[in-house]
């Protein structure tokens, strides 16, 4: 969207500045007489196709025109380059994200399976410990009763 806005703004500027050059015989082709011709020419320049020839023909009449052409080229080329880098980066990030997500899913499923086994073992050990504690409590109660019995017998 930003690129279209830049293209349109520069198209209006270039058309208003250079529209009479073809009619006056300074250009080989009609690059700037209408907005649609100008937009096509600017698209061609943005792609770096024969931009130097067009610029040199315009500079015959307007020696300062190189500045506008260079500003346009820098703006659009960096914008298009950043868009391309952004698209590539986004695609690589998506691929990496999907790969990482699949690895996490595989790892969590194997951990989940191991956790189920580990939880089962822990529950079994807790049950065993509960039985041992109950036995110890019974033995302690028996020992306490025996001590009371011995204590009562000694008096």
Protein backbone atom coordinates (compact mmCIF):
# COMPACT_ATOMS: atom_id res chain seq x y z
CA UNK A 1 0.00 0.00 0.00
CA UNK A 2 2.84 2.34 0.91
CA UNK A 3 4.58 1.53 -2.34
CA UNK A 4 1.46 2.44 -4.34
CA UNK A 5 1.17 5.72 -2.48
CA UNK A 6 4.81 6.58 -3.16
CA UNK A 7 4.41 5.57 -6.80
CA UNK A 8 1.32 7.77 -7.16
CA UNK A 9 2.88 10.82 -5.47
CA UNK A 10 6.01 10.60 -7.59
CA UNK A 11 3.81 9.97 -10.64
CA UNK A 12 1.95 13.23 -10.10
CA UNK A 13 5.23 15.10 -9.52
CA UNK A 14 6.96 13.65 -12.58
CA UNK A 15 3.90 14.20 -14.79
CA UNK A 16 3.56 17.83 -13.74
CA UNK A 17 7.28 18.53 -14.17
CA UNK A 18 8.10 16.60 -17.33
CA UNK A 19 4.85 16.19 -19.30
CA UNK A 20 5.87 18.45 -22.23
CA UNK A 21 9.29 16.92 -22.90
CA UNK A 22 8.04 14.40 -25.48
CA UNK A 23 5.94 16.99 -27.32
CA UNK A 24 8.96 19.32 -27.40
CA UNK A 25 11.09 16.52 -28.88
CA UNK A 26 13.50 15.98 -26.00
CA UNK A 27 12.48 12.36 -25.25
CA UNK A 28 12.63 9.33 -27.55
CA UNK A 29 9.42 7.92 -26.11
CA UNK A 30 6.39 9.38 -24.34
CA UNK A 31 7.35 8.69 -20.73
CA UNK A 32 5.59 11.47 -18.80
CA UNK A 33 2.75 13.09 -20.81
CA UNK A 34 -0.05 11.26 -18.94
CA UNK A 35 -0.26 9.88 -15.43
CA UNK A 36 -0.61 6.28 -16.63
CA UNK A 37 2.51 6.63 -18.82
CA UNK A 38 4.36 8.18 -15.90
CA UNK A 39 3.31 5.39 -13.52
CA UNK A 40 4.51 2.77 -16.00
CA UNK A 41 7.80 4.63 -16.46
CA UNK A 42 8.26 4.92 -12.70
CA UNK A 43 7.60 1.21 -12.29
CA UNK A 44 10.22 0.58 -14.97
CA UNK A 45 12.67 2.89 -13.16
CA UNK A 46 11.91 1.21 -9.82
CA UNK A 47 12.98 -2.08 -11.37
CA UNK A 48 16.16 -0.34 -12.55
CA UNK A 49 15.29 -0.99 -16.19
CA UNK A 50 16.92 1.64 -18.46
CA UNK A 51 16.56 4.37 -15.85
CA UNK A 52 19.85 6.05 -16.74
CA UNK A 53 18.79 6.63 -20.35
CA UNK A 54 15.52 8.23 -19.29
CA UNK A 55 17.26 10.37 -16.67
CA UNK A 56 19.91 11.59 -19.12
CA UNK A 57 17.26 12.58 -21.67
CA UNK A 58 15.38 14.58 -19.03
CA UNK A 59 18.60 16.15 -17.74
CA UNK A 60 19.22 17.71 -21.16
CA UNK A 61 16.40 20.16 -20.34
CA UNK A 62 16.41 20.01 -16.53
CA UNK A 63 19.95 19.46 -15.21
CA UNK A 64 18.66 19.16 -11.63
CA UNK A 65 16.33 16.26 -12.54
CA UNK A 66 18.89 13.68 -11.44
CA UNK A 67 18.07 14.58 -7.83
CA UNK A 68 14.41 13.64 -8.18
CA UNK A 69 15.24 10.43 -10.03
CA UNK A 70 17.83 9.40 -7.44
CA UNK A 71 15.45 10.17 -4.56
CA UNK A 72 12.75 8.10 -6.24
CA UNK A 73 15.12 5.21 -6.91
CA UNK A 74 16.48 5.22 -3.37
CA UNK A 75 13.02 5.38 -1.85
CA UNK A 76 11.42 2.67 -3.95
CA UNK A 77 14.44 0.39 -4.20
CA UNK A 78 14.95 0.32 -0.44
CA UNK A 79 11.23 -0.12 0.07
CA UNK A 80 11.02 -3.01 -2.37
CA UNK A 81 14.22 -4.51 -0.96
CA UNK A 82 12.83 -4.27 2.58
CA UNK A 83 9.56 -5.84 1.45
CA UNK A 84 11.44 -8.72 -0.15
CA UNK A 85 13.60 -9.22 2.94
CA UNK A 86 10.50 -9.04 5.12
CA UNK A 87 8.68 -11.66 3.06
CA UNK A 88 11.69 -13.97 3.08
CA UNK A 89 12.24 -13.47 6.83
CA UNK A 90 8.59 -14.12 7.53
CA UNK A 91 8.64 -17.30 5.46
CA UNK A 92 11.79 -18.54 7.21
CA UNK A 93 10.31 -17.69 10.61
CA UNK A 94 7.12 -19.58 9.76
CA UNK A 95 9.10 -22.63 8.67
CA UNK A 96 11.25 -22.48 11.82
CA UNK A 97 8.17 -22.00 14.01
CA UNK A 98 6.43 -25.00 12.48
CA UNK A 99 9.58 -27.11 12.83
CA UNK A 100 10.07 -26.09 16.45
CA UNK A 101 6.40 -26.65 17.18
CA UNK A 102 6.56 -30.19 15.75
CA UNK A 103 9.70 -30.93 17.79
CA UNK A 104 8.01 -29.65 20.94
CA UNK A 105 4.94 -31.78 20.22
CA UNK A 106 7.10 -34.89 19.70
CA UNK A 107 9.09 -34.19 22.85
CA UNK A 108 6.01 -33.46 24.95
CA UNK A 109 4.28 -36.62 23.75
CA UNK A 110 7.28 -38.75 24.65
CA UNK A 111 7.62 -36.93 27.96
CA UNK A 112 3.90 -37.39 28.53
CA UNK A 113 4.27 -41.13 27.98
CA UNK A 114 7.23 -41.24 30.33
CA UNK A 115 5.35 -39.11 32.86
CA UNK A 116 2.44 -41.54 32.82
CA UNK A 117 4.83 -44.40 33.55
CA UNK A 118 6.64 -42.38 36.23
CA UNK A 119 3.39 -41.28 37.86
CA UNK A 120 2.23 -44.90 37.98
CA UNK A 121 5.49 -45.96 39.63
CA UNK A 122 5.27 -43.11 42.13
CA UNK A 123 1.68 -44.00 43.04
CA UNK A 124 2.75 -47.60 43.59
CA UNK A 125 5.65 -46.51 45.81
CA UNK A 126 3.35 -44.17 47.76
CA UNK A 127 0.95 -47.07 48.34
CA UNK A 128 3.86 -49.24 49.53
CA UNK A 129 5.06 -46.47 51.86
CA UNK A 130 1.54 -46.00 53.22
CA UNK A 131 1.38 -49.72 54.08
CA UNK A 132 4.81 -49.55 55.75
CA UNK A 133 3.77 -46.47 57.77
CA UNK A 134 0.56 -48.21 58.88
CA UNK A 135 2.61 -51.20 60.02
CA UNK A 136 5.02 -48.90 61.89
CA UNK A 137 2.09 -47.13 63.54
CA UNK A 138 0.68 -50.53 64.65
CA UNK A 139 4.08 -51.58 65.99
CA UNK A 140 4.40 -48.28 67.81
CA UNK A 141 0.95 -48.70 69.32
CA UNK A 142 1.85 -52.24 70.39
CA UNK A 143 5.12 -51.00 71.88
CA UNK A 144 3.29 -48.24 73.73
CA UNK A 145 0.75 -50.74 75.11
CA UNK A 146 3.56 -53.04 76.15
CA UNK A 147 5.30 -50.20 77.95
CA UNK A 148 2.06 -49.28 79.74
CA UNK A 149 1.56 -52.88 80.66
CA UNK A 150 5.12 -53.18 81.97
CA UNK A 151 4.78 -49.90 83.79
CA UNK A 152 1.54 -51.01 85.48
CA UNK A 153 3.09 -54.35 86.46
CA UNK A 154 6.07 -52.79 88.11
CA UNK A 155 3.96 -50.88 90.67
